[in-house]
Protein backbone atom coordinates (compact mmCIF):
# COMPACT_ATOMS: atom_id res chain seq x y z
CA UNK A 1 4.02 -21.41 25.53
CA UNK A 2 5.47 -22.61 28.71
CA UNK A 3 2.44 -21.51 30.97
CA UNK A 4 -1.25 -20.67 30.25
CA UNK A 5 -1.53 -18.02 32.82
CA UNK A 6 -1.45 -14.30 31.78
CA UNK A 7 -0.26 -11.47 33.57
CA UNK A 8 -2.36 -8.18 32.48
CA UNK A 9 -1.23 -5.67 35.15
CA UNK A 10 0.78 -4.95 38.31
CA UNK A 11 -1.92 -6.47 40.64
CA UNK A 12 -1.76 -9.75 38.61
CA UNK A 13 2.17 -9.71 38.62
CA UNK A 14 2.07 -8.98 42.65
CA UNK A 15 -0.27 -12.04 43.01
CA UNK A 16 1.51 -14.33 40.95
CA UNK A 17 4.81 -13.47 42.47
CA UNK A 18 4.17 -12.91 46.02
CA UNK A 19 4.43 -16.22 47.65
CA UNK A 20 8.23 -16.33 47.00
CA UNK A 21 8.56 -13.18 48.99
CA UNK A 22 6.45 -14.28 52.06
CA UNK A 23 8.19 -14.22 55.42
CA UNK A 24 11.88 -13.54 53.92
CA UNK A 25 14.25 -11.50 55.93
CA UNK A 26 16.69 -10.95 52.90
CA UNK A 27 16.02 -9.54 49.41
CA UNK A 28 15.45 -11.42 46.39
CA UNK A 29 15.20 -10.48 42.82
CA UNK A 30 12.88 -12.11 40.26
CA UNK A 31 11.66 -11.96 36.69
CA UNK A 32 8.62 -12.40 35.16
CA UNK A 33 9.04 -13.44 31.44
CA UNK A 34 6.05 -12.86 29.33
CA UNK A 35 5.35 -13.32 25.29
CA UNK A 36 3.47 -10.51 23.25
CA UNK A 37 0.40 -11.48 24.52
CA UNK A 38 1.28 -11.22 28.51
CA UNK A 39 1.26 -15.17 28.81
CA UNK A 40 3.89 -16.44 31.08
CA UNK A 41 7.07 -17.87 29.84
CA UNK A 42 8.28 -18.99 33.17
CA UNK A 43 8.03 -22.78 33.65
CA UNK A 44 7.42 -22.38 37.45
CA UNK A 45 7.37 -19.63 40.03
CA UNK A 46 10.74 -20.80 41.01
CA UNK A 47 12.05 -20.17 37.43
CA UNK A 48 11.22 -16.45 37.88
CA UNK A 49 14.20 -16.04 40.56
CA UNK A 50 17.55 -14.20 39.32
CA UNK A 51 19.26 -13.86 42.55
CA UNK A 52 19.25 -13.99 46.40
CA UNK A 53 20.90 -11.30 48.63
CA UNK A 54 21.35 -10.09 52.03
CA UNK A 55 18.98 -8.47 54.40
CA UNK A 56 18.64 -4.92 52.74
CA UNK A 57 20.25 -5.51 49.62
CA UNK A 58 20.04 -7.40 46.28
CA UNK A 59 22.27 -6.69 43.11
CA UNK A 60 20.44 -6.06 40.27
CA UNK A 61 22.75 -7.80 37.42
CA UNK A 62 21.93 -6.60 34.09
CA UNK A 63 23.71 -9.61 32.58
CA UNK A 64 21.56 -12.42 34.09
CA UNK A 65 18.45 -10.29 33.64
CA UNK A 66 19.46 -10.23 29.81
CA UNK A 67 20.48 -13.60 29.62
CA UNK A 68 17.14 -15.02 31.29
CA UNK A 69 15.29 -12.76 29.08
CA UNK A 70 16.94 -14.06 26.03
CA UNK A 71 16.70 -17.54 27.03
CA UNK A 72 12.92 -17.40 27.58
CA UNK A 73 12.28 -15.55 24.17
CA UNK A 74 10.48 -12.83 26.12
CA UNK A 75 8.87 -10.14 24.66
CA UNK A 76 8.20 -8.30 27.70
CA UNK A 77 9.47 -8.75 31.40
CA UNK A 78 8.86 -7.38 34.94
CA UNK A 79 11.26 -7.17 37.50
CA UNK A 80 10.21 -7.78 41.05
CA UNK A 81 12.48 -7.46 44.26
CA UNK A 82 11.47 -7.41 47.99
CA UNK A 83 12.51 -4.81 50.91
CA UNK A 84 12.35 -6.79 54.21
CA UNK A 85 9.51 -6.43 56.46
CA UNK A 86 9.13 -3.01 58.20
CA UNK A 87 11.11 -1.40 55.47
CA UNK A 88 9.82 1.40 53.07
CA UNK A 89 8.40 0.59 49.83
CA UNK A 90 10.08 3.38 48.03
CA UNK A 91 12.68 2.57 45.64
CA UNK A 92 16.18 3.47 46.51
CA UNK A 93 18.09 6.00 44.02
CA UNK A 94 20.12 2.84 43.26
CA UNK A 95 16.88 0.99 42.24
CA UNK A 96 15.70 3.78 39.85
CA UNK A 97 18.99 4.03 38.32
CA UNK A 98 19.44 0.17 37.68
CA UNK A 99 15.82 -0.10 36.53
CA UNK A 100 16.16 2.51 33.92
CA UNK A 101 19.54 1.21 32.86
CA UNK A 102 17.96 -2.42 32.57
CA UNK A 103 15.00 -0.97 30.65
CA UNK A 104 17.52 0.79 28.19
CA UNK A 105 19.64 -2.25 27.48
CA UNK A 106 16.81 -4.61 27.07
CA UNK A 107 15.24 -2.31 24.65
CA UNK A 108 18.14 -2.51 22.48
CA UNK A 109 17.28 -6.38 22.03
CA UNK A 110 13.51 -5.57 21.58
CA UNK A 111 12.31 -6.53 25.05
CA UNK A 112 10.14 -4.26 26.89
CA UNK A 113 10.56 -3.77 30.82
CA UNK A 114 6.99 -3.42 31.49
CA UNK A 115 7.00 -2.72 35.25
CA UNK A 116 9.36 -3.08 38.46
CA UNK A 117 7.48 -4.00 41.45
CA UNK A 118 9.04 -3.63 44.97
CA UNK A 119 7.44 -5.78 47.53
CA UNK A 120 7.27 -5.78 51.38
CA UNK A 121 4.68 -8.36 53.11
CA UNK A 122 1.41 -7.97 51.55
CA UNK A 123 2.11 -4.44 50.01
CA UNK A 124 3.72 -3.42 46.88
CA UNK A 125 4.83 -0.48 44.92
CA UNK A 126 4.92 -0.35 41.05
CA UNK A 127 7.57 1.85 39.53
CA UNK A 128 5.18 2.25 36.30
CA UNK A 129 2.44 3.53 38.39
CA UNK A 130 4.85 5.71 39.97
CA UNK A 131 5.88 7.10 36.67
CA UNK A 132 9.33 6.11 37.32
CA UNK A 133 9.95 4.13 34.24
């Protein structure tokens, strides 16, 4: 086990990952990898970073997400990306489509996408809570 921390829900995921997004003007995509008991498999918070984008856009690269999930031997994963300050927390249509596609692909290798958080400042939106995934 890489880390003794446990992530039980979207609130704990947000509290764990939020410092990576503090004050960012551009978007960032991170992946929290968990074992079957929800213990963190990431060796550090910086180990969660998948990609960094531009203001208002980050690429949800399915191949990188799948690769990191497999390398960490993840059983469950949580995607997180930010919208720059002042932007809405609602997912874009592209966010929704790509999240569903990522969920489908991960399921093929027995990895469960349990949530996708969109973060802006001290607020966030859970696609699981919104019943989008």
